[in-house]
Protein backbone atom coordinates (compact mmCIF):
# COMPACT_ATOMS: atom_id res chain seq x y z
CA UNK A 1 146.24 3.55 107.93
CA UNK A 2 144.93 4.79 104.88
CA UNK A 3 141.35 3.88 103.96
CA UNK A 4 141.03 0.87 101.55
CA UNK A 5 138.24 1.65 99.61
CA UNK A 6 137.91 -1.11 97.66
CA UNK A 7 140.01 -3.37 100.21
CA UNK A 8 141.05 -6.07 97.79
CA UNK A 9 143.19 -7.72 101.03
CA UNK A 10 139.64 -8.67 102.55
CA UNK A 11 137.39 -6.42 103.92
CA UNK A 12 138.61 -6.92 107.28
CA UNK A 13 141.74 -4.30 106.10
CA UNK A 14 138.85 -1.81 105.80
CA UNK A 15 138.54 -0.57 108.64
CA UNK A 16 141.70 1.13 109.39
CA UNK A 17 140.76 4.50 108.98
CA UNK A 18 140.50 7.35 110.94
CA UNK A 19 137.71 8.24 112.83
CA UNK A 20 139.13 11.95 113.38
CA UNK A 21 136.44 14.63 112.53
CA UNK A 22 136.10 17.34 110.62
CA UNK A 23 139.26 16.38 108.15
CA UNK A 24 138.40 14.94 104.67
CA UNK A 25 140.02 11.70 105.12
CA UNK A 26 137.52 10.06 107.56
CA UNK A 27 135.26 12.64 108.78
CA UNK A 28 131.63 11.94 110.53
CA UNK A 29 131.10 15.66 109.77
CA UNK A 30 132.63 14.86 105.59
CA UNK A 31 129.28 12.83 105.48
CA UNK A 32 125.98 14.79 104.07
CA UNK A 33 122.77 12.48 105.12
CA UNK A 34 120.63 14.92 102.17
CA UNK A 35 122.78 13.78 100.11
CA UNK A 36 121.71 10.61 100.01
CA UNK A 37 119.50 9.62 95.72
CA UNK A 38 116.20 11.00 95.39
CA UNK A 39 115.94 7.28 94.10
CA UNK A 40 116.17 5.45 97.62
CA UNK A 41 112.42 7.10 98.18
CA UNK A 42 110.71 6.08 95.09
CA UNK A 43 112.46 2.84 95.90
CA UNK A 44 109.07 3.18 98.60
CA UNK A 45 111.54 1.85 101.57
CA UNK A 46 109.71 -0.66 102.87
CA UNK A 47 107.87 -1.31 106.56
CA UNK A 48 110.31 -1.92 109.23
CA UNK A 49 113.76 -0.70 107.66
CA UNK A 50 115.69 -1.93 109.42
CA UNK A 51 120.07 -1.87 109.55
CA UNK A 52 121.82 -5.41 109.63
CA UNK A 53 124.98 -7.21 108.78
CA UNK A 54 125.03 -9.82 106.96
CA UNK A 55 125.78 -12.52 109.76
CA UNK A 56 122.74 -11.25 111.63
CA UNK A 57 120.93 -12.28 107.81
CA UNK A 58 122.23 -15.98 107.87
CA UNK A 59 120.60 -16.67 111.22
CA UNK A 60 117.75 -14.88 111.35
CA UNK A 61 115.25 -17.07 111.98
CA UNK A 62 111.40 -17.83 111.02
CA UNK A 63 108.89 -19.83 113.22
CA UNK A 64 107.40 -21.60 109.89
CA UNK A 65 108.01 -20.84 106.57
CA UNK A 66 105.27 -18.46 106.33
CA UNK A 67 105.99 -16.40 109.15
CA UNK A 68 108.33 -13.96 109.37
CA UNK A 69 112.18 -13.68 109.64
CA UNK A 70 113.16 -12.42 113.37
CA UNK A 71 116.25 -10.85 114.11
CA UNK A 72 116.50 -10.53 118.19
CA UNK A 73 113.87 -11.75 118.22
CA UNK A 74 111.94 -9.05 116.73
CA UNK A 75 110.27 -9.64 113.49
CA UNK A 76 111.96 -7.43 110.05
CA UNK A 77 110.49 -6.64 106.91
CA UNK A 78 112.51 -4.92 104.63
CA UNK A 79 116.91 -4.52 105.24
CA UNK A 80 119.90 -2.71 104.77
CA UNK A 81 123.44 -3.26 104.75
CA UNK A 82 127.28 -2.51 102.94
CA UNK A 83 129.34 -4.84 101.45
CA UNK A 84 131.90 -5.25 99.39
CA UNK A 85 130.77 -6.28 95.64
CA UNK A 86 132.56 -9.44 94.76
CA UNK A 87 130.81 -11.47 91.80
CA UNK A 88 128.19 -10.05 89.36
CA UNK A 89 126.40 -12.31 87.39
CA UNK A 90 123.64 -11.46 84.59
CA UNK A 91 120.68 -14.48 84.02
CA UNK A 92 117.44 -13.93 81.61
CA UNK A 93 115.54 -13.45 84.24
CA UNK A 94 117.35 -11.54 87.45
CA UNK A 95 121.37 -10.24 87.96
CA UNK A 96 123.26 -11.83 91.35
CA UNK A 97 125.32 -10.27 93.71
CA UNK A 98 127.28 -12.00 95.69
CA UNK A 99 128.50 -9.59 98.53
CA UNK A 100 130.37 -9.56 101.85
CA UNK A 101 130.55 -7.65 105.02
CA UNK A 102 133.28 -9.16 106.74
CA UNK A 103 130.49 -10.85 108.83
CA UNK A 104 130.00 -13.07 105.85
CA UNK A 105 128.77 -13.40 102.44
CA UNK A 106 125.85 -13.08 101.07
CA UNK A 107 123.67 -13.54 97.50
CA UNK A 108 121.37 -10.58 96.28
CA UNK A 109 118.85 -11.46 93.53
CA UNK A 110 117.52 -8.45 92.03
CA UNK A 111 114.97 -9.16 88.97
CA UNK A 112 113.60 -5.34 87.97
CA UNK A 113 116.59 -3.10 85.55
CA UNK A 114 117.16 -0.24 86.68
CA UNK A 115 119.50 1.77 84.78
CA UNK A 116 121.41 3.22 87.63
CA UNK A 117 122.68 -0.76 87.93
CA UNK A 118 124.52 -0.40 85.59
CA UNK A 119 127.10 1.24 87.37
CA UNK A 120 128.16 -1.37 90.33
CA UNK A 121 131.77 -2.84 89.76
CA UNK A 122 133.10 -5.57 91.43
CA UNK A 123 135.71 -4.36 94.45
CA UNK A 124 132.94 -1.64 95.38
CA UNK A 125 130.90 -0.45 98.68
CA UNK A 126 127.59 -0.69 97.64
CA UNK A 127 123.97 -0.44 100.16
CA UNK A 128 121.79 -3.18 99.56
CA UNK A 129 118.40 -2.62 100.60
CA UNK A 130 115.88 -5.87 100.59
CA UNK A 131 114.07 -8.36 101.71
CA UNK A 132 115.35 -11.58 103.80
CA UNK A 133 114.18 -14.60 101.52
CA UNK A 134 114.73 -18.37 101.33
CA UNK A 135 114.75 -20.49 98.61
CA UNK A 136 115.60 -24.39 98.76
CA UNK A 137 117.26 -23.90 102.30
CA UNK A 138 119.51 -21.03 101.78
CA UNK A 139 119.09 -17.77 103.05
CA UNK A 140 119.53 -14.45 99.75
CA UNK A 141 118.37 -11.10 99.83
CA UNK A 142 115.26 -10.22 96.96
CA UNK A 143 116.84 -6.94 96.82
CA UNK A 144 114.34 -3.88 95.87
CA UNK A 145 117.64 -1.50 94.60
CA UNK A 146 121.84 -1.01 95.41
CA UNK A 147 123.34 1.59 95.20
CA UNK A 148 127.14 2.39 95.34
CA UNK A 149 128.69 4.01 97.95
CA UNK A 150 130.00 7.40 97.19
CA UNK A 151 130.90 8.72 100.84
CA UNK A 152 132.59 5.61 103.31
CA UNK A 153 131.39 8.04 106.45
CA UNK A 154 129.10 5.75 105.20
CA UNK A 155 130.14 2.59 105.89
CA UNK A 156 131.31 3.38 109.12
CA UNK A 157 128.22 4.95 110.49
CA UNK A 158 125.77 1.81 109.06
CA UNK A 159 127.91 -0.93 111.79
CA UNK A 160 127.58 1.76 114.63
CA UNK A 161 123.94 2.13 113.63
CA UNK A 162 123.47 -1.60 113.58
CA UNK A 163 125.52 -2.56 116.82
CA UNK A 164 123.07 0.87 118.23
CA UNK A 165 120.04 -0.79 117.32
CA UNK A 166 121.00 -4.26 117.92
CA UNK A 167 121.44 -3.29 121.79
CA UNK A 168 118.43 -1.38 121.28
CA UNK A 169 116.71 -4.65 121.07
CA UNK A 170 118.55 -7.07 122.96
CA UNK A 171 119.42 -5.06 126.36
CA UNK A 172 117.33 -1.43 126.60
CA UNK A 173 120.78 0.44 127.94
CA UNK A 174 120.81 4.16 129.04
CA UNK A 175 121.65 6.25 125.20
CA UNK A 176 124.21 8.99 125.61
CA UNK A 177 124.11 12.08 123.16
CA UNK A 178 121.34 12.79 120.67
CA UNK A 179 119.52 9.21 121.25
CA UNK A 180 119.81 9.99 125.24
CA UNK A 181 118.23 14.00 124.71
CA UNK A 182 115.31 11.51 122.76
CA UNK A 183 113.81 9.05 125.06
CA UNK A 184 115.33 11.77 128.10
CA UNK A 185 118.57 9.90 128.39
CA UNK A 186 117.14 6.47 129.55
CA UNK A 187 114.96 3.96 127.28
CA UNK A 188 110.76 3.95 128.34
CA UNK A 189 109.91 1.43 130.40
CA UNK A 190 107.48 1.00 134.04
CA UNK A 191 109.90 1.80 136.01
CA UNK A 192 110.36 5.33 134.28
CA UNK A 193 107.38 6.27 132.34
CA UNK A 194 107.78 9.69 131.32
CA UNK A 195 105.81 12.45 131.72
CA UNK A 196 101.56 12.26 130.34
CA UNK A 197 101.53 13.54 127.04
CA UNK A 198 104.95 14.02 126.18
CA UNK A 199 107.01 13.62 123.18
CA UNK A 200 108.83 10.63 125.11
CA UNK A 201 105.65 9.03 126.02
CA UNK A 202 103.49 9.03 122.51
CA UNK A 203 106.92 8.28 120.47
CA UNK A 204 106.84 4.44 123.36
CA UNK A 205 103.50 3.65 121.57
CA UNK A 206 106.36 3.07 118.48
CA UNK A 207 109.15 0.47 118.48
CA UNK A 208 111.58 3.03 117.28
CA UNK A 209 115.13 3.31 116.33
CA UNK A 210 117.46 5.30 118.58
CA UNK A 211 118.08 6.91 115.23
CA UNK A 212 114.26 7.06 114.74
CA UNK A 213 114.13 9.12 117.40
CA UNK A 214 116.46 11.72 116.78
CA UNK A 215 114.70 12.49 113.62
CA UNK A 216 111.18 12.64 114.94
CA UNK A 217 113.04 14.73 118.55
CA UNK A 218 114.58 17.12 115.51
CA UNK A 219 111.00 17.53 114.23
CA UNK A 220 109.47 19.04 116.96
CA UNK A 221 112.45 20.99 118.03
CA UNK A 222 111.74 23.36 115.33
CA UNK A 223 109.51 26.09 114.58
CA UNK A 224 105.74 24.12 114.53
CA UNK A 225 104.24 25.71 111.06
CA UNK A 226 101.99 24.79 108.58
CA UNK A 227 104.84 24.67 106.34
CA UNK A 228 106.64 22.19 108.52
CA UNK A 229 110.76 21.35 108.80
CA UNK A 230 112.75 21.51 105.49
CA UNK A 231 114.43 18.04 105.43
CA UNK A 232 117.68 20.41 104.53
CA UNK A 233 117.21 22.15 107.86
CA UNK A 234 116.27 18.54 109.31
CA UNK A 235 119.76 16.97 108.47
CA UNK A 236 121.47 19.92 109.95
CA UNK A 237 120.08 19.60 113.56
CA UNK A 238 120.14 15.18 113.48
CA UNK A 239 123.89 15.47 112.58
CA UNK A 240 126.13 13.89 110.21
CA UNK A 241 125.85 10.16 109.05
CA UNK A 242 121.94 9.64 109.56
CA UNK A 243 120.75 8.30 106.49
CA UNK A 244 117.91 11.23 106.19
CA UNK A 245 116.05 9.49 103.21
CA UNK A 246 115.23 5.80 104.85
CA UNK A 247 114.31 6.84 107.98
CA UNK A 248 111.52 9.80 106.91
CA UNK A 249 110.70 7.53 104.32
CA UNK A 250 110.10 4.47 107.53
CA UNK A 251 108.03 7.01 109.44
CA UNK A 252 106.13 8.14 107.16
CA UNK A 253 104.81 4.64 106.40
CA UNK A 254 104.23 4.13 109.76
CA UNK A 255 102.08 7.32 109.79
CA UNK A 256 104.34 8.91 112.05
CA UNK A 257 105.09 12.14 109.80
CA UNK A 258 103.75 13.92 106.69
CA UNK A 259 105.07 16.05 103.59
CA UNK A 260 103.54 19.14 103.38
CA UNK A 261 104.12 22.03 100.92
CA UNK A 262 106.14 19.13 98.91
CA UNK A 263 108.11 15.74 99.30
CA UNK A 264 110.72 17.80 101.32
CA UNK A 265 108.78 19.31 104.28
CA UNK A 266 107.89 17.67 107.50
CA UNK A 267 105.14 17.86 110.24
CA UNK A 268 104.82 15.24 112.69
CA UNK A 269 101.74 14.12 113.53
CA UNK A 270 102.13 14.38 117.08
CA UNK A 271 102.30 17.81 116.81
CA UNK A 272 98.74 17.54 115.42
CA UNK A 273 97.73 16.06 119.06
């Protein structure tokens, strides 16, 4: 069955597309993480950015009114999710968007005018970056940025990443593929501590997701030069589907990586130790 890009018949039907690699219609190999718009970086993706579903947002908890929201028992700062834009309501001080992703529907509020937002249209897929807020007992998203999704492989990848992050925080499973190699085939724990001064042990000091670990591994696997690794080479190393801009922004704000000769060249602070 063909993938329904606008899913007018209900969001759930949108997941009937194929995952055939290397094909023009739905393979992950068609998704280019380096094609993420630079405005994502300019908006300053915040600390503890986490991919989520709308249901996870609606189920988020607080210890008290001023506390950070928690998902899976872990504090979250900014969140990112994808969904279908169902309604746009412009007001004097802000614009509200109703967005659903098959797990629920949520209101997204945006106060600052951004030209790119004028391109948003109902019944299209969008990605949202923002913070979880509550007003009069109702959870909503205060958005820093909303953009159109041009490659529908990003939708599939997002939900796979959400599952991976959820499992990472709740079950600490054995990983496979690139994520497994990044952690030496398993997440670090007291029973299987990595060797002293190894990359695995250094990364264990940070609460990184499997995707963030893959990027760190790719940076360390690149030739150790003064210039570091270019974002294009990094994108080729990590493979398709990873939102490289969001990951590198997070790692920079955590102080784990830094830029060198320009904003497209990265080095790890762990390489300097």
